[in-house]
Amino acid sequence: MGSQAPRAKRRTSPPASPIPGLACRSCHSSSLPSSIPLFYVYHIFDRISPNSMSDRHWSGRMRVVHIMADGNPGGGPVVVETLCAGMAARGVETAVITQTGSYFFDRANAKGWTTFGLDFSRRKNVIRISREISKFLEQEAPDVIHAHGARSALPVSLLPRSKRPALAYTIHGFHFDRKGTGSRQFFKLMEKLCISRADRIILVGKADEAFAHKEGLVDDPQRWSQVYNGVELPPGCTISPQPEFDIVFVGRLHPQKNPLALPAILAAMKRPHATMLIVGGGELEASVRESCKSLGVESQITMAGTRSRTDALELMSRARIFVLPSLWEGVPVSVVEAMKMGVPVVASRIAGNQELIHHGETGLLADPLVPAEFAEHISSLLDSPQLAQSLAARAASFASTAFTIESQVTAHLRIYENAISESRLRRPR
């Protein structure tokens, strides 16, 4: 039992009793034998296990297990936590499998949800993770598994259908197209494996939907749905009437978010009194600090480090403008949060952001590789508070309508029910 929430089951290792017949003898090591191609494993698994779950029937209260491999602070855990809370309000029982000891592990445990920790950090352990998930499923007997991202879906994809319930798979943005030529093909193959094994596939944005069609990933359109994430702010979370900072960035200091552009943007503004708040941590933190020094803007930038979502939003509310210079995105939660809060947004001109921001109407867009363009847009908003307020008002109206928890939960309940029906049809007898 967790000390924060006595109702939660805090686990860091699988239940003791093994499940016989899960894998062939050659797959008992923690990593996949090199002689067996990974994309053949699920064909083997479907033929070696008894139908221990094939005759389960859903009735009464639905039980859903969410798998979120990356438990670090960020948009993914925020989305999954929000969805779980919305489902719980509808009477759906929730369990979570995530990185042991992570931010999301602690959040889920504190919510009182059944929480199971695994080490997803070493990808070669996918077979071992798959076995441990199978044991958890056997004990918890859920109606649906909801895997968020390929790292979460791959271990479940390796299970025979007879050893798991219905599988819903949410693709939180495609990432294989950012890989090198050889790696791109491999990771695309892994994505296709996860898709082929899922009963229902969910996309978080229309740009991802278009990309999936372009890459030939959509085999049966009836199995695919596009659902915007529900985003809810804590009560009273609105922009401060007297902001302390001119600009704020909230996100991971990771190459995707392009954080090295932040000091360059401030330097390009040539406003020695302009201030920027950077909320977040990550692998590029030292490089960002060094860039602040080399560009002579160190005294203008405050680095707040990694914060909880509540603290990060409170800090966001203290700024006049939110900036996001990402190189790629799905549908960024931080932009939706800023919009709902009433903070005007200047973001990179990329597919995910363009789905949210209509330039000159609900925000401003700039080339992520041209700091001077960001600087020009930010300066225009600082010089024209009326323009900033107009953009923010239209953005808040759009976000409050498009990104509701009610619509997200309703759509997912329908998807789960369809997944259960699909699972019964596709499961071997």
Protein backbone atom coordinates (compact mmCIF):
# COMPACT_ATOMS: atom_id res chain seq x y z
CA MET A 1 0.00 0.00 0.00
CA GLY A 2 1.34 3.46 -0.84
CA SER A 3 1.93 5.88 1.99
CA GLN A 4 0.24 8.69 0.06
CA ALA A 5 -2.89 6.79 -0.86
CA PRO A 6 -3.77 3.68 1.17
CA ARG A 7 -6.22 2.45 -1.47
CA ALA A 8 -3.57 2.17 -4.19
CA LYS A 9 -1.62 -1.01 -4.81
CA ARG A 10 1.97 0.16 -5.07
CA ARG A 11 3.95 -2.46 -6.94
CA THR A 12 7.46 -2.45 -8.33
CA SER A 13 7.69 -6.13 -9.25
CA PRO A 14 5.27 -8.58 -10.82
CA PRO A 15 2.98 -10.84 -8.80
CA ALA A 16 4.83 -13.89 -7.56
CA SER A 17 2.92 -16.69 -9.27
CA PRO A 18 4.07 -17.27 -12.90
CA ILE A 19 1.58 -17.81 -15.69
CA PRO A 20 2.38 -21.09 -17.46
CA GLY A 21 2.46 -21.30 -21.23
CA LEU A 22 3.19 -17.59 -21.78
CA ALA A 23 6.23 -17.94 -24.02
CA CYS A 24 8.24 -20.53 -25.85
CA ARG A 25 11.34 -21.86 -24.08
CA SER A 26 13.69 -19.79 -26.22
CA CYS A 27 12.10 -16.55 -24.99
CA HIS A 28 12.70 -16.85 -21.25
CA SER A 29 15.71 -14.50 -21.26
CA SER A 30 15.27 -10.78 -20.62
CA SER A 31 16.07 -9.87 -24.21
CA LEU A 32 14.93 -11.28 -27.52
CA PRO A 33 17.27 -13.91 -29.05
CA SER A 34 18.93 -12.48 -32.13
CA SER A 35 17.93 -15.53 -34.16
CA ILE A 36 14.22 -14.69 -33.90
CA PRO A 37 13.08 -11.51 -35.73
CA LEU A 38 10.91 -9.45 -33.40
CA PHE A 39 8.09 -9.06 -35.90
CA TYR A 40 7.62 -12.87 -36.01
CA VAL A 41 7.22 -13.29 -32.25
CA TYR A 42 3.51 -12.45 -32.09
CA HIS A 43 2.75 -15.07 -34.74
CA ILE A 44 4.45 -17.64 -32.51
CA PHE A 45 2.73 -16.43 -29.34
CA ASP A 46 -0.76 -16.70 -30.84
CA ARG A 47 -0.21 -20.42 -31.31
CA ILE A 48 1.29 -21.51 -27.98
CA SER A 49 -1.07 -20.34 -25.25
CA PRO A 50 -4.44 -21.58 -24.03
CA ASN A 51 -7.42 -19.26 -24.42
CA SER A 52 -7.38 -18.22 -20.79
CA MET A 53 -9.08 -14.87 -21.51
CA SER A 54 -11.00 -15.66 -24.67
CA ASP A 55 -14.29 -16.38 -22.93
CA ARG A 56 -14.33 -13.29 -20.71
CA HIS A 57 -17.43 -11.13 -21.13
CA TRP A 58 -17.75 -7.48 -20.21
CA SER A 59 -20.71 -6.66 -18.01
CA GLY A 60 -21.39 -4.00 -15.43
CA ARG A 61 -18.49 -1.73 -14.47
CA MET A 62 -15.74 -1.50 -17.08
CA ARG A 63 -12.12 -2.03 -15.99
CA VAL A 64 -9.30 -0.39 -17.98
CA VAL A 65 -5.53 -0.70 -17.60
CA HIS A 66 -3.55 2.26 -18.96
CA ILE A 67 0.09 1.71 -19.92
CA MET A 68 2.34 4.78 -20.04
CA ALA A 69 6.00 3.77 -20.45
CA ASP A 70 7.35 7.31 -20.07
CA GLY A 71 6.38 8.51 -16.61
CA ASN A 72 8.42 11.73 -16.70
CA PRO A 73 6.67 15.10 -16.34
CA GLY A 74 5.21 16.19 -19.65
CA GLY A 75 2.16 16.25 -21.87
CA GLY A 76 1.76 12.47 -22.07
CA PRO A 77 1.25 11.82 -18.34
CA VAL A 78 -1.00 14.89 -18.11
CA VAL A 79 -3.23 13.51 -20.87
CA VAL A 80 -3.40 10.01 -19.38
CA GLU A 81 -4.07 11.29 -15.85
CA THR A 82 -6.84 13.57 -17.12
CA LEU A 83 -8.43 10.73 -19.10
CA CYS A 84 -8.24 8.33 -16.13
CA ALA A 85 -9.84 10.89 -13.81
CA GLY A 86 -12.61 11.55 -16.32
CA MET A 87 -13.23 7.82 -16.71
CA ALA A 88 -13.32 7.33 -12.95
CA ALA A 89 -16.03 9.99 -12.74
CA ARG A 90 -18.06 7.85 -15.16
CA GLY A 91 -17.63 4.76 -12.98
CA VAL A 92 -14.78 3.13 -14.92
CA GLU A 93 -12.23 1.27 -12.76
CA THR A 94 -8.68 2.38 -13.53
CA ALA A 95 -5.26 0.74 -13.19
CA VAL A 96 -1.93 2.12 -14.39
CA ILE A 97 1.32 0.51 -15.54
CA THR A 98 4.19 2.96 -15.85
CA GLN A 99 7.90 3.47 -15.19
CA THR A 100 8.57 2.50 -11.60
CA GLY A 101 9.39 5.41 -9.29
CA SER A 102 8.55 8.01 -11.94
CA TYR A 103 6.53 11.21 -11.61
CA PHE A 104 3.46 9.53 -13.12
CA PHE A 105 3.91 6.44 -10.94
CA ASP A 106 3.63 8.65 -7.85
CA ARG A 107 0.72 10.65 -9.32
CA ALA A 108 -1.29 7.53 -10.15
CA ASN A 109 -0.60 6.00 -6.77
CA ALA A 110 -1.67 9.21 -5.01
CA LYS A 111 -4.95 9.12 -6.95
CA GLY A 112 -5.72 5.74 -5.41
CA TRP A 113 -5.49 3.85 -8.70
CA THR A 114 -4.00 0.38 -8.81
CA THR A 115 -0.43 1.19 -9.83
CA PHE A 116 2.14 -1.26 -11.20
CA GLY A 117 5.74 -0.16 -11.77
CA LEU A 118 8.00 -1.64 -14.45
CA ASP A 119 11.39 -0.64 -15.83
CA PHE A 120 10.73 0.47 -19.41
CA SER A 121 14.09 2.25 -19.69
CA ARG A 122 15.89 -0.69 -21.36
CA ARG A 123 14.10 -1.46 -24.60
CA LYS A 124 15.86 -4.79 -25.10
CA ASN A 125 13.89 -6.11 -22.11
CA VAL A 126 10.64 -6.03 -24.08
CA ILE A 127 10.04 -9.80 -23.73
CA ARG A 128 10.47 -9.68 -19.96
CA ILE A 129 8.19 -6.64 -19.74
CA SER A 130 5.63 -8.47 -21.89
CA ARG A 131 5.63 -11.44 -19.49
CA GLU A 132 5.24 -9.21 -16.44
CA ILE A 133 2.36 -7.32 -18.03
CA SER A 134 0.71 -10.66 -18.78
CA LYS A 135 0.89 -11.65 -15.12
CA PHE A 136 -0.62 -8.33 -14.08
CA LEU A 137 -3.46 -8.73 -16.58
CA GLU A 138 -4.17 -12.24 -15.37
CA GLN A 139 -4.52 -10.95 -11.82
CA GLU A 140 -6.47 -7.76 -12.56
CA ALA A 141 -8.68 -9.18 -15.36
CA PRO A 142 -9.41 -5.85 -17.11
CA ASP A 143 -11.81 -5.44 -20.01
CA VAL A 144 -9.49 -3.15 -21.97
CA ILE A 145 -5.79 -2.33 -22.14
CA HIS A 146 -5.09 1.21 -23.31
CA ALA A 147 -1.46 1.60 -24.43
CA HIS A 148 -0.14 5.13 -24.88
CA GLY A 149 2.74 5.31 -27.36
CA ALA A 150 4.71 2.57 -29.11
CA ARG A 151 6.95 1.82 -26.12
CA SER A 152 3.81 0.99 -24.15
CA ALA A 153 2.08 -0.91 -26.95
CA LEU A 154 4.96 -3.11 -28.12
CA PRO A 155 5.11 -5.43 -25.06
CA VAL A 156 1.33 -5.93 -25.26
CA SER A 157 1.53 -6.53 -29.01
CA LEU A 158 3.78 -9.52 -28.33
CA LEU A 159 1.13 -11.21 -26.18
CA PRO A 160 -1.17 -13.75 -27.83
CA ARG A 161 -4.72 -12.46 -28.13
CA SER A 162 -5.82 -15.30 -25.88
CA LYS A 163 -3.69 -13.86 -23.06
CA ARG A 164 -4.98 -10.31 -23.13
CA PRO A 165 -8.25 -8.38 -23.34
CA ALA A 166 -9.14 -5.78 -25.96
CA LEU A 167 -6.28 -3.42 -26.89
CA ALA A 168 -6.75 0.28 -27.63
CA TYR A 169 -3.59 2.03 -28.84
CA THR A 170 -3.13 5.80 -28.79
CA ILE A 171 -0.39 7.19 -31.03
CA HIS A 172 0.81 10.39 -29.34
CA GLY A 173 2.58 11.60 -32.47
CA PHE A 174 4.68 9.63 -34.96
CA HIS A 175 8.42 9.69 -34.31
CA PHE A 176 9.93 7.17 -36.74
CA ASP A 177 10.12 9.78 -39.50
CA ARG A 178 12.75 11.61 -37.42
CA LYS A 179 15.12 8.64 -37.51
CA GLY A 180 17.94 7.90 -39.96
CA THR A 181 17.19 5.88 -43.08
CA GLY A 182 17.89 2.44 -41.58
CA SER A 183 16.36 3.20 -38.19
CA ARG A 184 13.32 4.78 -39.81
CA GLN A 185 12.36 1.53 -41.50
CA PHE A 186 12.87 -0.49 -38.32
CA PHE A 187 10.80 1.82 -36.12
CA LYS A 188 8.12 2.09 -38.79
CA LEU A 189 7.94 -1.70 -38.77
CA MET A 190 7.52 -1.68 -34.98
CA GLU A 191 4.74 0.92 -35.35
CA LYS A 192 3.01 -1.28 -37.94
CA LEU A 193 3.26 -4.24 -35.57
CA CYS A 194 1.57 -2.30 -32.76
CA ILE A 195 -1.13 -1.09 -35.14
CA SER A 196 -1.81 -4.55 -36.52
CA ARG A 197 -2.22 -6.02 -33.05
CA ALA A 198 -4.51 -3.29 -31.70
CA ASP A 199 -8.29 -3.61 -31.82
CA ARG A 200 -8.70 0.16 -32.02
CA ILE A 201 -6.18 2.91 -32.85
CA ILE A 202 -6.55 6.49 -31.60
CA LEU A 203 -4.82 9.57 -33.03
CA VAL A 204 -4.63 12.82 -31.06
CA GLY A 205 -4.63 15.16 -34.05
CA LYS A 206 -5.63 15.56 -37.67
CA ALA A 207 -2.02 16.05 -38.79
CA ASP A 208 -1.15 12.58 -37.47
CA GLU A 209 -4.20 11.20 -39.26
CA ALA A 210 -2.98 12.63 -42.56
CA PHE A 211 0.53 11.30 -41.92
CA ALA A 212 -0.79 7.79 -41.17
CA HIS A 213 -2.63 7.72 -44.51
CA LYS A 214 0.42 9.05 -46.37
CA GLU A 215 2.65 6.33 -44.86
CA GLY A 216 0.18 3.56 -45.69
CA LEU A 217 -0.45 2.69 -42.05
CA VAL A 218 -4.25 2.79 -42.20
CA ASP A 219 -5.37 -0.69 -43.18
CA ASP A 220 -8.97 -0.60 -41.95
CA PRO A 221 -10.32 2.94 -41.40
CA GLN A 222 -13.08 1.55 -39.15
CA ARG A 223 -10.45 0.73 -36.51
CA TRP A 224 -9.08 4.29 -36.45
CA SER A 225 -10.39 7.34 -34.57
CA GLN A 226 -9.11 10.86 -34.09
CA VAL A 227 -9.87 12.28 -30.64
CA TYR A 228 -8.57 15.53 -29.18
CA ASN A 229 -7.24 15.30 -25.65
CA GLY A 230 -9.26 16.85 -22.87
CA VAL A 231 -7.32 19.54 -21.00
CA GLU A 232 -8.48 20.94 -17.69
CA LEU A 233 -6.79 23.66 -15.64
CA PRO A 234 -6.80 23.80 -11.83
CA PRO A 235 -9.48 26.13 -10.42
CA GLY A 236 -8.55 29.80 -10.59
CA CYS A 237 -5.68 29.23 -13.01
CA THR A 238 -5.75 32.38 -15.17
CA ILE A 239 -3.18 34.86 -16.42
CA SER A 240 -1.92 37.23 -13.73
CA PRO A 241 -3.17 40.83 -13.97
CA GLN A 242 0.40 41.94 -13.21
CA PRO A 243 2.78 39.52 -14.99
CA GLU A 244 6.33 39.20 -13.64
CA PHE A 245 7.86 37.93 -16.88
CA ASP A 246 7.48 38.92 -20.51
CA ILE A 247 7.95 35.42 -21.94
CA VAL A 248 7.54 31.90 -20.55
CA PHE A 249 8.47 28.48 -21.91
CA VAL A 250 7.13 25.32 -20.23
CA GLY A 251 8.42 21.97 -21.45
CA ARG A 252 11.22 19.44 -21.49
CA LEU A 253 14.69 20.70 -22.42
CA HIS A 254 14.88 18.07 -25.14
CA PRO A 255 15.85 18.43 -28.84
CA GLN A 256 12.19 18.07 -29.88
CA LYS A 257 11.29 21.25 -27.99
CA ASN A 258 14.22 23.16 -29.52
CA PRO A 259 15.11 24.93 -26.22
CA LEU A 260 18.40 26.30 -27.56
CA ALA A 261 16.29 28.70 -29.60
CA LEU A 262 15.05 30.40 -26.41
CA PRO A 263 18.17 32.46 -25.53
CA ALA A 264 18.64 33.17 -29.25
CA ILE A 265 15.10 34.58 -29.45
CA LEU A 266 15.66 36.82 -26.46
CA ALA A 267 18.98 38.04 -27.87
CA ALA A 268 17.33 38.77 -31.24
CA MET A 269 14.72 40.95 -29.51
CA LYS A 270 17.45 43.41 -28.47
CA ARG A 271 15.45 44.46 -25.43
CA PRO A 272 17.76 44.47 -22.42
CA HIS A 273 14.83 44.76 -20.00
CA ALA A 274 12.77 41.90 -21.47
CA THR A 275 12.61 38.84 -19.22
CA MET A 276 12.08 35.12 -19.89
CA LEU A 277 11.13 32.27 -17.57
CA ILE A 278 12.11 28.72 -18.58
CA VAL A 279 10.21 25.98 -16.72
CA GLY A 280 11.51 22.47 -17.28
CA GLY A 281 14.58 20.28 -17.17
CA GLY A 282 16.25 17.73 -19.36
CA GLU A 283 19.33 16.71 -21.28
CA LEU A 284 19.90 20.14 -22.86
CA GLU A 285 19.73 22.16 -19.63
CA ALA A 286 23.50 22.70 -19.42
CA SER A 287 23.63 23.70 -23.09
CA VAL A 288 20.81 26.20 -22.59
CA ARG A 289 22.61 27.77 -19.63
CA GLU A 290 25.83 28.00 -21.63
CA SER A 291 23.98 29.61 -24.55
CA CYS A 292 22.45 32.20 -22.20
CA LYS A 293 25.97 33.18 -21.13
CA SER A 294 27.49 33.24 -24.60
CA LEU A 295 24.63 35.38 -25.99
CA GLY A 296 24.77 37.82 -23.07
CA VAL A 297 21.17 37.27 -21.88
CA GLU A 298 21.90 35.29 -18.71
CA SER A 299 20.64 38.08 -16.45
CA GLN A 300 17.34 38.25 -18.37
CA ILE A 301 16.48 34.54 -18.08
CA THR A 302 15.24 32.64 -15.02
CA MET A 303 15.62 28.85 -15.07
CA ALA A 304 12.98 27.29 -12.82
CA GLY A 305 13.86 23.61 -13.43
CA THR A 306 11.45 20.68 -13.49
CA ARG A 307 8.20 21.38 -11.65
CA SER A 308 4.92 19.59 -10.98
CA ARG A 309 2.14 20.41 -13.41
CA THR A 310 0.36 22.59 -10.83
CA ASP A 311 3.52 24.60 -10.13
CA ALA A 312 4.38 24.84 -13.84
CA LEU A 313 0.92 26.23 -14.66
CA GLU A 314 1.14 28.72 -11.81
CA LEU A 315 4.47 29.93 -13.20
CA MET A 316 3.01 30.09 -16.72
CA SER A 317 0.28 32.40 -15.45
CA ARG A 318 2.91 34.95 -14.39
CA ALA A 319 3.99 35.74 -17.97
CA ARG A 320 2.62 37.90 -20.76
CA ILE A 321 3.43 35.52 -23.65
CA PHE A 322 3.94 31.77 -23.98
CA VAL A 323 6.53 30.60 -26.50
CA LEU A 324 7.05 27.11 -27.96
CA PRO A 325 9.76 26.77 -30.66
CA SER A 326 9.40 22.96 -31.09
CA LEU A 327 10.72 21.19 -34.16
CA TRP A 328 7.85 18.68 -34.15
CA GLU A 329 4.72 18.05 -32.09
CA GLY A 330 1.56 15.96 -32.02
CA VAL A 331 -0.98 18.30 -30.45
CA PRO A 332 0.99 20.07 -27.69
CA VAL A 333 -0.80 20.12 -24.34
CA SER A 334 1.19 23.15 -23.18
CA VAL A 335 -0.25 25.29 -25.99
CA VAL A 336 -3.79 24.24 -25.09
CA GLU A 337 -3.08 25.04 -21.44
CA ALA A 338 -1.78 28.51 -22.33
CA MET A 339 -4.82 29.15 -24.53
CA LYS A 340 -7.27 28.12 -21.83
CA MET A 341 -5.39 30.26 -19.31
CA GLY A 342 -5.58 33.33 -21.54
CA VAL A 343 -1.85 33.63 -22.26
CA PRO A 344 -1.18 34.57 -25.91
CA VAL A 345 0.96 32.04 -27.80
CA VAL A 346 3.84 32.34 -30.24
CA ALA A 347 4.78 28.89 -31.53
CA SER A 348 6.69 27.21 -34.33
CA ARG A 349 5.10 26.82 -37.74
CA ILE A 350 4.80 23.02 -37.71
CA ALA A 351 1.91 20.63 -38.30
CA GLY A 352 0.88 20.01 -34.69
CA ASN A 353 0.91 23.68 -33.75
CA GLN A 354 -0.88 24.77 -36.92
CA GLU A 355 -3.77 22.53 -35.92
CA LEU A 356 -4.24 24.77 -32.86
CA ILE A 357 -3.06 28.17 -34.01
CA HIS A 358 -4.47 30.10 -36.93
CA HIS A 359 -1.84 32.75 -37.49
CA GLY A 360 -3.13 36.19 -36.58
CA GLU A 361 -6.36 34.80 -35.13
CA THR A 362 -5.59 32.46 -32.20
CA GLY A 363 -1.85 33.09 -31.94
CA LEU A 364 1.26 33.72 -34.00
CA LEU A 365 3.50 31.24 -35.84
CA ALA A 366 7.19 31.46 -36.71
CA ASP A 367 9.89 29.36 -38.33
CA PRO A 368 11.50 27.26 -35.53
CA LEU A 369 14.92 27.79 -37.14
CA VAL A 370 14.62 31.59 -37.35
CA PRO A 371 14.84 33.19 -33.86
CA ALA A 372 14.46 36.66 -35.38
CA GLU A 373 10.95 35.80 -36.58
CA PHE A 374 9.96 34.73 -33.07
CA ALA A 375 11.54 37.89 -31.70
CA GLU A 376 9.53 40.06 -34.10
CA HIS A 377 6.21 38.40 -33.17
CA ILE A 378 6.88 38.56 -29.43
CA SER A 379 7.86 42.22 -29.65
CA SER A 380 4.68 43.02 -31.56
CA LEU A 381 2.58 41.52 -28.75
CA LEU A 382 4.56 43.33 -26.05
CA ASP A 383 4.10 46.60 -27.94
CA SER A 384 0.38 46.01 -28.53
CA PRO A 385 -1.42 44.65 -25.45
CA GLN A 386 -4.71 45.03 -27.32
CA LEU A 387 -3.53 42.62 -30.05
CA ALA A 388 -2.28 40.18 -27.40
CA GLN A 389 -5.63 40.24 -25.59
CA SER A 390 -7.56 39.78 -28.84
CA LEU A 391 -5.53 36.70 -29.83
CA ALA A 392 -5.78 35.26 -26.33
CA ALA A 393 -9.56 35.70 -26.17
CA ARG A 394 -10.15 33.93 -29.49
CA ALA A 395 -7.72 31.15 -28.52
CA ALA A 396 -9.44 30.61 -25.16
CA SER A 397 -12.83 30.33 -26.85
CA PHE A 398 -11.50 27.75 -29.33
CA ALA A 399 -9.66 25.66 -26.72
CA SER A 400 -12.56 25.62 -24.27
CA THR A 401 -14.78 24.10 -26.97
CA ALA A 402 -12.40 21.68 -28.72
CA PHE A 403 -10.49 20.22 -25.77
CA THR A 404 -13.07 19.16 -23.21
CA ILE A 405 -12.79 16.17 -20.92
CA GLU A 406 -16.45 15.36 -21.48
CA SER A 407 -16.01 14.85 -25.23
CA GLN A 408 -12.73 12.97 -24.76
CA VAL A 409 -14.21 10.52 -22.24
CA THR A 410 -17.39 9.96 -24.28
CA ALA A 411 -15.35 9.20 -27.40
CA HIS A 412 -13.04 6.81 -25.54
CA LEU A 413 -15.91 4.89 -23.94
CA ARG A 414 -17.35 4.29 -27.41
CA ILE A 415 -13.91 3.21 -28.66
CA TYR A 416 -13.46 0.81 -25.73
CA GLU A 417 -16.82 -0.83 -26.38
CA ASN A 418 -15.95 -1.24 -30.06
CA ALA A 419 -12.53 -2.62 -29.12
CA ILE A 420 -14.12 -5.24 -26.89
CA SER A 421 -16.38 -6.35 -29.75
CA GLU A 422 -13.46 -6.36 -32.20
CA SER A 423 -11.32 -8.34 -29.79
CA ARG A 424 -13.89 -11.12 -29.56
CA LEU A 425 -14.03 -11.36 -33.35
CA ARG A 426 -10.24 -11.36 -33.86
CA ARG A 427 -9.29 -13.66 -30.98
CA PRO A 428 -8.34 -17.20 -32.08
CA ARG A 429 -10.60 -20.03 -30.96
